[in-house]
Amino acid sequence: MVYPPTAPMLDLLILSIINHEDSYGYQISQQIKTVSNMKDSALYPVLKRLADNSFVETYDQPIQGRNRKYYRLTGRGRQHYHYLHENWHSYTKAIEKIINYEEVPGNGDDHD
């Protein structure tokens, strides 16, 4: 089953891809489609928002006679990526605890 990503998760996915290497929109969308049913048209407003917040910057690269817009992580974007990544790690650890029914607040036998 494929779930639509939440905004922070989508930001983390995009920033992770760009953190690995400068990427262009179609390349990013194809990687995200492996885990989400997100439409290509939904990606570009997110990329614009990330650029408006100075998390990514763009540059053009000529490819086969046309310019292709690439996205590159900024220093601020790298910090935001690490922040989102740490939150994701904490979130997934909490989910694993619930799935495995480990000690988490509220799973005791006390019923009020």
PDB file of N, CA and C in Angstrom:
ATOM      1  N   MET A   1       0.844  -1.182   0.000  1.00  0.00           N
ATOM      2  CA  MET A   1       0.000   0.000   0.000  1.00  0.00           C
ATOM      3  C   MET A   1       0.887   1.241   0.000  1.00  0.00           C
ATOM      4  N   VAL A   2       0.504   2.229  -0.763  1.00  0.00           N
ATOM      5  CA  VAL A   2       1.256   3.480  -0.874  1.00  0.00           C
ATOM      6  C   VAL A   2       0.452   4.585  -0.208  1.00  0.00           C
ATOM      7  N   TYR A   3       1.110   5.338   0.659  1.00  0.00           N
ATOM      8  CA  TYR A   3       0.452   6.415   1.384  1.00  0.00           C
ATOM      9  C   TYR A   3       0.963   7.764   0.891  1.00  0.00           C
ATOM     10  N   PRO A   4       0.108   8.776   0.879  1.00  0.00           N
ATOM     11  CA  PRO A   4       0.606  10.108   0.509  1.00  0.00           C
ATOM     12  C   PRO A   4       1.496  10.646   1.631  1.00  0.00           C
ATOM     13  N   PRO A   5       2.604  11.258   1.283  1.00  0.00           N
ATOM     14  CA  PRO A   5       3.501  11.773   2.326  1.00  0.00           C
ATOM     15  C   PRO A   5       2.948  13.037   2.964  1.00  0.00           C
ATOM     16  N   THR A   6       3.250  13.219   4.234  1.00  0.00           N
ATOM     17  CA  THR A   6       2.923  14.474   4.910  1.00  0.00           C
ATOM     18  C   THR A   6       3.933  15.519   4.450  1.00  0.00           C
ATOM     19  N   ALA A   7       3.638  16.780   4.714  1.00  0.00           N
ATOM     20  CA  ALA A   7       4.541  17.853   4.265  1.00  0.00           C
ATOM     21  C   ALA A   7       5.957  17.687   4.811  1.00  0.00           C
ATOM     22  N   PRO A   8       6.151  17.463   6.131  1.00  0.00           N
ATOM     23  CA  PRO A   8       7.529  17.291   6.601  1.00  0.00           C
ATOM     24  C   PRO A   8       8.205  16.067   5.992  1.00  0.00           C
ATOM     25  N   MET A   9       7.449  14.986   5.793  1.00  0.00           N
ATOM     26  CA  MET A   9       8.031  13.790   5.198  1.00  0.00           C
ATOM     27  C   MET A   9       8.439  14.065   3.755  1.00  0.00           C
ATOM     28  N   LEU A  10       7.608  14.785   3.030  1.00  0.00           N
ATOM     29  CA  LEU A  10       7.928  15.132   1.651  1.00  0.00           C
ATOM     30  C   LEU A  10       9.170  16.018   1.592  1.00  0.00           C
ATOM     31  N   ASP A  11       9.239  16.990   2.495  1.00  0.00           N
ATOM     32  CA  ASP A  11      10.445  17.832   2.569  1.00  0.00           C
ATOM     33  C   ASP A  11      11.674  16.966   2.828  1.00  0.00           C
ATOM     34  N   LEU A  12      11.557  16.029   3.765  1.00  0.00           N
ATOM     35  CA  LEU A  12      12.694  15.160   4.091  1.00  0.00           C
ATOM     36  C   LEU A  12      13.088  14.313   2.889  1.00  0.00           C
ATOM     37  N   LEU A  13      12.127  13.759   2.183  1.00  0.00           N
ATOM     38  CA  LEU A  13      12.437  12.953   1.007  1.00  0.00           C
ATOM     39  C   LEU A  13      13.168  13.782  -0.047  1.00  0.00           C
ATOM     40  N   ILE A  14      12.630  14.952  -0.336  1.00  0.00           N
ATOM     41  CA  ILE A  14      13.238  15.816  -1.358  1.00  0.00           C
ATOM     42  C   ILE A  14      14.633  16.260  -0.940  1.00  0.00           C
ATOM     43  N   LEU A  15      14.762  16.724   0.296  1.00  0.00           N
ATOM     44  CA  LEU A  15      16.068  17.184   0.769  1.00  0.00           C
ATOM     45  C   LEU A  15      17.074  16.041   0.819  1.00  0.00           C
ATOM     46  N   SER A  16      16.609  14.833   1.133  1.00  0.00           N
ATOM     47  CA  SER A  16      17.504  13.669   1.153  1.00  0.00           C
ATOM     48  C   SER A  16      18.047  13.375  -0.236  1.00  0.00           C
ATOM     49  N   ILE A  17      17.163  13.438  -1.226  1.00  0.00           N
ATOM     50  CA  ILE A  17      17.584  13.190  -2.603  1.00  0.00           C
ATOM     51  C   ILE A  17      18.610  14.242  -3.035  1.00  0.00           C
ATOM     52  N   ILE A  18      18.297  15.501  -2.755  1.00  0.00           N
ATOM     53  CA  ILE A  18      19.190  16.588  -3.163  1.00  0.00           C
ATOM     54  C   ILE A  18      20.478  16.575  -2.347  1.00  0.00           C
ATOM     55  N   ASN A  19      20.399  16.127  -1.090  1.00  0.00           N
ATOM     56  CA  ASN A  19      21.599  16.023  -0.263  1.00  0.00           C
ATOM     57  C   ASN A  19      22.579  15.015  -0.868  1.00  0.00           C
ATOM     58  N   HIS A  20      22.044  13.966  -1.456  1.00  0.00           N
ATOM     59  CA  HIS A  20      22.890  12.938  -2.075  1.00  0.00           C
ATOM     60  C   HIS A  20      23.574  13.475  -3.328  1.00  0.00           C
ATOM     61  N   GLU A  21      22.807  14.207  -4.165  1.00  0.00           N
ATOM     62  CA  GLU A  21      23.377  14.825  -5.365  1.00  0.00           C
ATOM     63  C   GLU A  21      22.410  15.883  -5.875  1.00  0.00           C
ATOM     64  N   ASP A  22      22.945  16.902  -6.512  1.00  0.00           N
ATOM     65  CA  ASP A  22      22.098  17.899  -7.155  1.00  0.00           C
ATOM     66  C   ASP A  22      21.159  17.158  -8.102  1.00  0.00           C
ATOM     67  N   SER A  23      19.896  17.559  -8.108  1.00  0.00           N
ATOM     68  CA  SER A  23      18.895  16.811  -8.876  1.00  0.00           C
ATOM     69  C   SER A  23      17.939  17.759  -9.564  1.00  0.00           C
ATOM     70  N   TYR A  24      17.293  17.269 -10.615  1.00  0.00           N
ATOM     71  CA  TYR A  24      16.268  18.039 -11.317  1.00  0.00           C
ATOM     72  C   TYR A  24      14.896  17.441 -10.999  1.00  0.00           C
ATOM     73  N   GLY A  25      13.847  18.187 -11.281  1.00  0.00           N
ATOM     74  CA  GLY A  25      12.506  17.833 -10.859  1.00  0.00           C
ATOM     75  C   GLY A  25      12.052  16.439 -11.229  1.00  0.00           C
ATOM     76  N   TYR A  26      12.203  16.060 -12.488  1.00  0.00           N
ATOM     77  CA  TYR A  26      11.742  14.736 -12.922  1.00  0.00           C
ATOM     78  C   TYR A  26      12.488  13.629 -12.189  1.00  0.00           C
ATOM     79  N   GLN A  27      13.772  13.818 -12.011  1.00  0.00           N
ATOM     80  CA  GLN A  27      14.601  12.844 -11.292  1.00  0.00           C
ATOM     81  C   GLN A  27      14.094  12.683  -9.856  1.00  0.00           C
ATOM     82  N   ILE A  28      13.789  13.793  -9.206  1.00  0.00           N
ATOM     83  CA  ILE A  28      13.269  13.770  -7.836  1.00  0.00           C
ATOM     84  C   ILE A  28      11.915  13.060  -7.810  1.00  0.00           C
ATOM     85  N   SER A  29      11.041  13.413  -8.738  1.00  0.00           N
ATOM     86  CA  SER A  29       9.695  12.829  -8.741  1.00  0.00           C
ATOM     87  C   SER A  29       9.740  11.318  -8.945  1.00  0.00           C
ATOM     88  N   GLN A  30      10.637  10.832  -9.795  1.00  0.00           N
ATOM     89  CA  GLN A  30      10.726   9.393 -10.030  1.00  0.00           C
ATOM     90  C   GLN A  30      11.180   8.642  -8.787  1.00  0.00           C
ATOM     91  N   GLN A  31      12.077   9.228  -8.029  1.00  0.00           N
ATOM     92  CA  GLN A  31      12.520   8.576  -6.792  1.00  0.00           C
ATOM     93  C   GLN A  31      11.403   8.583  -5.748  1.00  0.00           C
ATOM     94  N   ILE A  32      10.683   9.691  -5.646  1.00  0.00           N
ATOM     95  CA  ILE A  32       9.600   9.780  -4.667  1.00  0.00           C
ATOM     96  C   ILE A  32       8.467   8.819  -5.033  1.00  0.00           C
ATOM     97  N   LYS A  33       8.229   8.619  -6.309  1.00  0.00           N
ATOM     98  CA  LYS A  33       7.163   7.706  -6.738  1.00  0.00           C
ATOM     99  C   LYS A  33       7.401   6.264  -6.307  1.00  0.00           C
ATOM    100  N   THR A  34       8.617   5.920  -5.922  1.00  0.00           N
ATOM    101  CA  THR A  34       8.871   4.559  -5.445  1.00  0.00           C
ATOM    102  C   THR A  34       8.253   4.322  -4.077  1.00  0.00           C
ATOM    103  N   VAL A  35       7.906   5.417  -3.363  1.00  0.00           N
ATOM    104  CA  VAL A  35       7.318   5.277  -2.025  1.00  0.00           C
ATOM    105  C   VAL A  35       6.011   6.043  -1.855  1.00  0.00           C
ATOM    106  N   SER A  36       5.583   6.760  -2.883  1.00  0.00           N
ATOM    107  CA  SER A  36       4.412   7.611  -2.753  1.00  0.00           C
ATOM    108  C   SER A  36       3.672   7.693  -4.086  1.00  0.00           C
ATOM    109  N   ASN A  37       2.393   8.005  -3.993  1.00  0.00           N
ATOM    110  CA  ASN A  37       1.605   8.201  -5.205  1.00  0.00           C
ATOM    111  C   ASN A  37       1.472   9.679  -5.545  1.00  0.00           C
ATOM    112  N   MET A  38       2.437  10.485  -5.135  1.00  0.00           N
ATOM    113  CA  MET A  38       2.417  11.917  -5.376  1.00  0.00           C
ATOM    114  C   MET A  38       2.474  12.223  -6.869  1.00  0.00           C
ATOM    115  N   LYS A  39       1.671  13.162  -7.299  1.00  0.00           N
ATOM    116  CA  LYS A  39       1.652  13.606  -8.695  1.00  0.00           C
ATOM    117  C   LYS A  39       2.839  14.543  -8.947  1.00  0.00           C
ATOM    118  N   ASP A  40       3.347  14.523 -10.173  1.00  0.00           N
ATOM    119  CA  ASP A  40       4.458  15.409 -10.540  1.00  0.00           C
ATOM    120  C   ASP A  40       4.092  16.865 -10.289  1.00  0.00           C
ATOM    121  N   SER A  41       2.851  17.231 -10.580  1.00  0.00           N
ATOM    122  CA  SER A  41       2.426  18.625 -10.423  1.00  0.00           C
ATOM    123  C   SER A  41       2.476  19.088  -8.970  1.00  0.00           C
ATOM    124  N   ALA A  42       2.437  18.166  -8.012  1.00  0.00           N
ATOM    125  CA  ALA A  42       2.503  18.524  -6.595  1.00  0.00           C
ATOM    126  C   ALA A  42       3.940  18.801  -6.146  1.00  0.00           C
ATOM    127  N   LEU A  43       4.908  18.312  -6.896  1.00  0.00           N
ATOM    128  CA  LEU A  43       6.309  18.469  -6.509  1.00  0.00           C
ATOM    129  C   LEU A  43       6.802  19.903  -6.662  1.00  0.00           C
ATOM    130  N   TYR A  44       6.450  20.552  -7.745  1.00  0.00           N
ATOM    131  CA  TYR A  44       7.045  21.856  -8.049  1.00  0.00           C
ATOM    132  C   TYR A  44       6.669  22.955  -7.055  1.00  0.00           C
ATOM    133  N   PRO A  45       5.455  22.995  -6.519  1.00  0.00           N
ATOM    134  CA  PRO A  45       5.181  23.972  -5.463  1.00  0.00           C
ATOM    135  C   PRO A  45       6.018  23.723  -4.203  1.00  0.00           C
ATOM    136  N   VAL A  46       6.305  22.459  -3.919  1.00  0.00           N
ATOM    137  CA  VAL A  46       7.149  22.138  -2.753  1.00  0.00           C
ATOM    138  C   VAL A  46       8.577  22.593  -3.014  1.00  0.00           C
ATOM    139  N   LEU A  47       9.081  22.334  -4.207  1.00  0.00           N
ATOM    140  CA  LEU A  47      10.430  22.794  -4.547  1.00  0.00           C
ATOM    141  C   LEU A  47      10.523  24.319  -4.496  1.00  0.00           C
ATOM    142  N   LYS A  48       9.483  24.995  -4.950  1.00  0.00           N
ATOM    143  CA  LYS A  48       9.465  26.464  -4.888  1.00  0.00           C
ATOM    144  C   LYS A  48       9.483  26.938  -3.441  1.00  0.00           C
ATOM    145  N   ARG A  49       8.687  26.281  -2.581  1.00  0.00           N
ATOM    146  CA  ARG A  49       8.657  26.652  -1.160  1.00  0.00           C
ATOM    147  C   ARG A  49      10.019  26.420  -0.515  1.00  0.00           C
ATOM    148  N   LEU A  50      10.655  25.301  -0.848  1.00  0.00           N
ATOM    149  CA  LEU A  50      11.987  25.024  -0.301  1.00  0.00           C
ATOM    150  C   LEU A  50      12.992  26.071  -0.774  1.00  0.00           C
ATOM    151  N   ALA A  51      12.861  26.510  -2.017  1.00  0.00           N
ATOM    152  CA  ALA A  51      13.744  27.560  -2.539  1.00  0.00           C
ATOM    153  C   ALA A  51      13.432  28.901  -1.873  1.00  0.00           C
ATOM    154  N   ASP A  52      12.148  29.214  -1.706  1.00  0.00           N
ATOM    155  CA  ASP A  52      11.755  30.469  -1.060  1.00  0.00           C
ATOM    156  C   ASP A  52      12.256  30.550   0.377  1.00  0.00           C
ATOM    157  N   ASN A  53      12.393  29.384   1.027  1.00  0.00           N
ATOM    158  CA  ASN A  53      12.904  29.334   2.397  1.00  0.00           C
ATOM    159  C   ASN A  53      14.416  29.157   2.459  1.00  0.00           C
ATOM    160  N   SER A  54      15.064  29.275   1.317  1.00  0.00           N
ATOM    161  CA  SER A  54      16.526  29.169   1.197  1.00  0.00           C
ATOM    162  C   SER A  54      17.077  27.815   1.635  1.00  0.00           C
ATOM    163  N   PHE A  55      16.284  26.760   1.490  1.00  0.00           N
ATOM    164  CA  PHE A  55      16.755  25.408   1.766  1.00  0.00           C
ATOM    165  C   PHE A  55      17.425  24.802   0.535  1.00  0.00           C
ATOM    166  N   VAL A  56      16.989  25.245  -0.637  1.00  0.00           N
ATOM    167  CA  VAL A  56      17.615  24.810  -1.893  1.00  0.00           C
ATOM    168  C   VAL A  56      17.830  26.034  -2.765  1.00  0.00           C
ATOM    169  N   GLU A  57      18.788  25.911  -3.673  1.00  0.00           N
ATOM    170  CA  GLU A  57      18.990  26.936  -4.695  1.00  0.00           C
ATOM    171  C   GLU A  57      18.977  26.227  -6.038  1.00  0.00           C
ATOM    172  N   THR A  58      18.738  26.985  -7.075  1.00  0.00           N
ATOM    173  CA  THR A  58      18.631  26.388  -8.402  1.00  0.00           C
ATOM    174  C   THR A  58      19.735  26.912  -9.314  1.00  0.00           C
ATOM    175  N   TYR A  59      20.026  26.119 -10.297  1.00  0.00           N
ATOM    176  CA  TYR A  59      20.910  26.550 -11.375  1.00  0.00           C
ATOM    177  C   TYR A  59      20.517  25.772 -12.629  1.00  0.00           C
ATOM    178  N   ASP A  60      20.795  26.351 -13.774  1.00  0.00           N
ATOM    179  CA  ASP A  60      20.473  25.712 -15.049  1.00  0.00           C
ATOM    180  C   ASP A  60      21.694  25.002 -15.601  1.00  0.00           C
ATOM    181  N   GLN A  61      21.435  23.853 -16.198  1.00  0.00           N
ATOM    182  CA  GLN A  61      22.488  23.069 -16.831  1.00  0.00           C
ATOM    183  C   GLN A  61      22.018  22.717 -18.244  1.00  0.00           C
ATOM    184  N   PRO A  62      22.785  23.085 -19.278  1.00  0.00           N
ATOM    185  CA  PRO A  62      22.359  22.726 -20.636  1.00  0.00           C
ATOM    186  C   PRO A  62      22.469  21.213 -20.869  1.00  0.00           C
ATOM    187  N   ILE A  63      21.373  20.627 -21.312  1.00  0.00           N
ATOM    188  CA  ILE A  63      21.313  19.195 -21.616  1.00  0.00           C
ATOM    189  C   ILE A  63      20.651  19.043 -22.984  1.00  0.00           C
ATOM    190  N   GLN A  64      21.349  18.511 -23.937  1.00  0.00           N
ATOM    191  CA  GLN A  64      20.831  18.273 -25.290  1.00  0.00           C
ATOM    192  C   GLN A  64      20.125  19.506 -25.865  1.00  0.00           C
ATOM    193  N   GLY A  65      20.773  20.644 -25.751  1.00  0.00           N
ATOM    194  CA  GLY A  65      20.251  21.875 -26.334  1.00  0.00           C
ATOM    195  C   GLY A  65      19.179  22.589 -25.522  1.00  0.00           C
ATOM    196  N   ARG A  66      18.846  22.061 -24.362  1.00  0.00           N
ATOM    197  CA  ARG A  66      17.840  22.700 -23.496  1.00  0.00           C
ATOM    198  C   ARG A  66      18.442  22.894 -22.109  1.00  0.00           C
ATOM    199  N   ASN A  67      17.928  23.878 -21.401  1.00  0.00           N
ATOM    200  CA  ASN A  67      18.362  24.084 -20.025  1.00  0.00           C
ATOM    201  C   ASN A  67      17.510  23.246 -19.087  1.00  0.00           C
ATOM    202  N   ARG A  68      18.158  22.555 -18.170  1.00  0.00           N
ATOM    203  CA  ARG A  68      17.482  21.770 -17.150  1.00  0.00           C
ATOM    204  C   ARG A  68      17.759  22.435 -15.805  1.00  0.00           C
ATOM    205  N   LYS A  69      16.703  22.691 -15.036  1.00  0.00           N
ATOM    206  CA  LYS A  69      16.853  23.325 -13.729  1.00  0.00           C
ATOM    207  C   LYS A  69      17.215  22.270 -12.685  1.00  0.00           C
ATOM    208  N   TYR A  70      18.345  22.484 -12.045  1.00  0.00           N
ATOM    209  CA  TYR A  70      18.811  21.598 -10.977  1.00  0.00           C
ATOM    210  C   TYR A  70      18.612  22.276  -9.626  1.00  0.00           C
ATOM    211  N   TYR A  71      18.446  21.453  -8.610  1.00  0.00           N
ATOM    212  CA  TYR A  71      18.285  21.922  -7.242  1.00  0.00           C
ATOM    213  C   TYR A  71      19.477  21.449  -6.437  1.00  0.00           C
ATOM    214  N   ARG A  72      20.020  22.382  -5.643  1.00  0.00           N
ATOM    215  CA  ARG A  72      21.190  22.116  -4.815  1.00  0.00           C
ATOM    216  C   ARG A  72      20.848  22.529  -3.387  1.00  0.00           C
ATOM    217  N   LEU A  73      21.282  21.731  -2.427  1.00  0.00           N
ATOM    218  CA  LEU A  73      21.061  22.047  -1.016  1.00  0.00           C
ATOM    219  C   LEU A  73      21.934  23.222  -0.597  1.00  0.00           C
ATOM    220  N   THR A  74      21.376  24.126   0.177  1.00  0.00           N
ATOM    221  CA  THR A  74      22.147  25.231   0.758  1.00  0.00           C
ATOM    222  C   THR A  74      22.605  24.809   2.154  1.00  0.00           C
ATOM    223  N   GLY A  75      23.423  25.629   2.792  1.00  0.00           N
ATOM    224  CA  GLY A  75      23.815  25.354   4.177  1.00  0.00           C
ATOM    225  C   GLY A  75      22.596  25.295   5.089  1.00  0.00           C
ATOM    226  N   ARG A  76      21.689  26.228   4.891  1.00  0.00           N
ATOM    227  CA  ARG A  76      20.450  26.239   5.683  1.00  0.00           C
ATOM    228  C   ARG A  76      19.618  24.989   5.388  1.00  0.00           C
ATOM    229  N   GLY A  77      19.597  24.579   4.136  1.00  0.00           N
ATOM    230  CA  GLY A  77      18.878  23.367   3.749  1.00  0.00           C
ATOM    231  C   GLY A  77      19.472  22.127   4.381  1.00  0.00           C
ATOM    232  N   ARG A  78      20.786  22.081   4.461  1.00  0.00           N
ATOM    233  CA  ARG A  78      21.458  20.942   5.094  1.00  0.00           C
ATOM    234  C   ARG A  78      21.103  20.872   6.577  1.00  0.00           C
ATOM    235  N   GLN A  79      21.058  22.027   7.234  1.00  0.00           N
ATOM    236  CA  GLN A  79      20.649  22.050   8.647  1.00  0.00           C
ATOM    237  C   GLN A  79      19.209  21.572   8.798  1.00  0.00           C
ATOM    238  N   HIS A  80      18.319  22.036   7.923  1.00  0.00           N
ATOM    239  CA  HIS A  80      16.919  21.631   7.980  1.00  0.00           C
ATOM    240  C   HIS A  80      16.779  20.135   7.685  1.00  0.00           C
ATOM    241  N   TYR A  81      17.555  19.643   6.743  1.00  0.00           N
ATOM    242  CA  TYR A  81      17.566  18.207   6.437  1.00  0.00           C
ATOM    243  C   TYR A  81      17.943  17.410   7.686  1.00  0.00           C
ATOM    244  N   HIS A  82      19.006  17.803   8.379  1.00  0.00           N
ATOM    245  CA  HIS A  82      19.431  17.076   9.582  1.00  0.00           C
ATOM    246  C   HIS A  82      18.360  17.151  10.672  1.00  0.00           C
ATOM    247  N   TYR A  83      17.710  18.300  10.814  1.00  0.00           N
ATOM    248  CA  TYR A  83      16.622  18.461  11.781  1.00  0.00           C
ATOM    249  C   TYR A  83      15.471  17.503  11.447  1.00  0.00           C
ATOM    250  N   LEU A  84      15.039  17.479  10.184  1.00  0.00           N
ATOM    251  CA  LEU A  84      13.950  16.595   9.776  1.00  0.00           C
ATOM    252  C   LEU A  84      14.346  15.129   9.908  1.00  0.00           C
ATOM    253  N   HIS A  85      15.584  14.826   9.572  1.00  0.00           N
ATOM    254  CA  HIS A  85      16.065  13.448   9.667  1.00  0.00           C
ATOM    255  C   HIS A  85      16.054  12.974  11.116  1.00  0.00           C
ATOM    256  N   GLU A  86      16.484  13.798  12.031  1.00  0.00           N
ATOM    257  CA  GLU A  86      16.474  13.431  13.452  1.00  0.00           C
ATOM    258  C   GLU A  86      15.042  13.243  13.947  1.00  0.00           C
ATOM    259  N   ASN A  87      14.135  14.125  13.536  1.00  0.00           N
ATOM    260  CA  ASN A  87      12.733  13.967  13.924  1.00  0.00           C
ATOM    261  C   ASN A  87      12.154  12.676  13.360  1.00  0.00           C
ATOM    262  N   TRP A  88      12.503  12.352  12.110  1.00  0.00           N
ATOM    263  CA  TRP A  88      12.032  11.119  11.495  1.00  0.00           C
ATOM    264  C   TRP A  88      12.556   9.906  12.269  1.00  0.00           C
ATOM    265  N   HIS A  89      13.811   9.955  12.650  1.00  0.00           N
ATOM    266  CA  HIS A  89      14.407   8.854  13.418  1.00  0.00           C
ATOM    267  C   HIS A  89      13.670   8.674  14.749  1.00  0.00           C
ATOM    268  N   SER A  90      13.405   9.759  15.450  1.00  0.00           N
ATOM    269  CA  SER A  90      12.676   9.685  16.725  1.00  0.00           C
ATOM    270  C   SER A  90      11.264   9.151  16.516  1.00  0.00           C
ATOM    271  N   TYR A  91      10.615   9.617  15.466  1.00  0.00           N
ATOM    272  CA  TYR A  91       9.255   9.194  15.152  1.00  0.00           C
ATOM    273  C   TYR A  91       9.196   7.695  14.852  1.00  0.00           C
ATOM    274  N   THR A  92      10.116   7.220  14.019  1.00  0.00           N
ATOM    275  CA  THR A  92      10.092   5.804  13.657  1.00  0.00           C
ATOM    276  C   THR A  92      10.434   4.918  14.853  1.00  0.00           C
ATOM    277  N   LYS A  93      11.307   5.385  15.754  1.00  0.00           N
ATOM    278  CA  LYS A  93      11.599   4.626  16.968  1.00  0.00           C
ATOM    279  C   LYS A  93      10.344   4.507  17.826  1.00  0.00           C
ATOM    280  N   ALA A  94       9.584   5.603  17.947  1.00  0.00           N
ATOM    281  CA  ALA A  94       8.346   5.581  18.731  1.00  0.00           C
ATOM    282  C   ALA A  94       7.328   4.643  18.096  1.00  0.00           C
ATOM    283  N   ILE A  95       7.221   4.650  16.774  1.00  0.00           N
ATOM    284  CA  ILE A  95       6.304   3.758  16.063  1.00  0.00           C
ATOM    285  C   ILE A  95       6.702   2.303  16.308  1.00  0.00           C
ATOM    286  N   GLU A  96       7.984   2.005  16.214  1.00  0.00           N
ATOM    287  CA  GLU A  96       8.461   0.641  16.458  1.00  0.00           C
ATOM    288  C   GLU A  96       8.110   0.172  17.876  1.00  0.00           C
ATOM    289  N   LYS A  97       8.221   1.070  18.838  1.00  0.00           N
ATOM    290  CA  LYS A  97       7.865   0.711  20.213  1.00  0.00           C
ATOM    291  C   LYS A  97       6.388   0.343  20.307  1.00  0.00           C
ATOM    292  N   ILE A  98       5.558   1.101  19.633  1.00  0.00           N
ATOM    293  CA  ILE A  98       4.126   0.803  19.658  1.00  0.00           C
ATOM    294  C   ILE A  98       3.846  -0.521  18.952  1.00  0.00           C
ATOM    295  N   ILE A  99       4.423  -0.709  17.777  1.00  0.00           N
ATOM    296  CA  ILE A  99       4.208  -1.940  17.018  1.00  0.00           C
ATOM    297  C   ILE A  99       4.661  -3.158  17.811  1.00  0.00           C
ATOM    298  N   ASN A 100       5.787  -3.041  18.477  1.00  0.00           N
ATOM    299  CA  ASN A 100       6.344  -4.146  19.258  1.00  0.00           C
ATOM    300  C   ASN A 100       5.805  -4.194  20.683  1.00  0.00           C
ATOM    301  N   TYR A 101       4.898  -3.293  21.012  1.00  0.00           N
ATOM    302  CA  TYR A 101       4.276  -3.169  22.321  1.00  0.00           C
ATOM    303  C   TYR A 101       5.328  -3.138  23.432  1.00  0.00           C
ATOM    304  N   GLU A 102       6.315  -2.288  23.236  1.00  0.00           N
ATOM    305  CA  GLU A 102       7.330  -2.073  24.249  1.00  0.00           C
ATOM    306  C   GLU A 102       6.815  -1.037  25.233  1.00  0.00           C
ATOM    307  N   GLU A 103       7.585  -0.785  26.248  1.00  0.00           N
ATOM    308  CA  GLU A 103       7.184   0.180  27.275  1.00  0.00           C
ATOM    309  C   GLU A 103       7.019   1.572  26.693  1.00  0.00           C
ATOM    310  N   VAL A 104       5.794   1.993  26.589  1.00  0.00           N
ATOM    311  CA  VAL A 104       5.474   3.348  26.181  1.00  0.00           C
ATOM    312  C   VAL A 104       4.405   3.865  27.122  1.00  0.00           C
ATOM    313  N   PRO A 105       4.371   5.149  27.377  1.00  0.00           N
ATOM    314  CA  PRO A 105       3.335   5.684  28.265  1.00  0.00           C
ATOM    315  C   PRO A 105       1.947   5.295  27.767  1.00  0.00           C
ATOM    316  N   GLY A 106       1.128   4.796  28.694  1.00  0.00           N
ATOM    317  CA  GLY A 106      -0.255   4.506  28.358  1.00  0.00           C
ATOM    318  C   GLY A 106      -0.534   3.060  27.969  1.00  0.00           C
ATOM    319  N   ASN A 107       0.483   2.165  27.998  1.00  0.00           N
ATOM    320  CA  ASN A 107       0.186   0.778  27.632  1.00  0.00           C
ATOM    321  C   ASN A 107       0.138  -0.142  28.858  1.00  0.00           C
ATOM    322  N   GLY A 108       0.018   0.460  30.030  1.00  0.00           N
ATOM    323  CA  GLY A 108      -0.096  -0.320  31.256  1.00  0.00           C
ATOM    324  C   GLY A 108      -1.484  -0.902  31.413  1.00  0.00           C
ATOM    325  N   ASP A 109      -1.662  -1.639  32.518  1.00  0.00           N
ATOM    326  CA  ASP A 109      -2.954  -2.276  32.779  1.00  0.00           C
ATOM    327  C   ASP A 109      -3.885  -1.432  33.608  1.00  0.00           C
ATOM    328  N   ASP A 110      -3.470  -0.212  33.955  1.00  0.00           N
ATOM    329  CA  ASP A 110      -4.332   0.627  34.798  1.00  0.00           C
ATOM    330  C   ASP A 110      -5.437   1.250  33.939  1.00  0.00           C
ATOM    331  N   HIS A 111      -6.671   0.886  34.222  1.00  0.00           N
ATOM    332  CA  HIS A 111      -7.821   1.414  33.505  1.00  0.00           C
ATOM    333  C   HIS A 111      -8.620   2.281  34.447  1.00  0.00           C
ATOM    334  N   ASP A 112      -8.826   3.527  34.101  1.00  0.00           N
ATOM    335  CA  ASP A 112      -9.594   4.445  34.942  1.00  0.00           C
ATOM    336  C   ASP A 112     -11.028   4.535  34.493  1.00  0.00           C
TER     337      ASP A 112
END
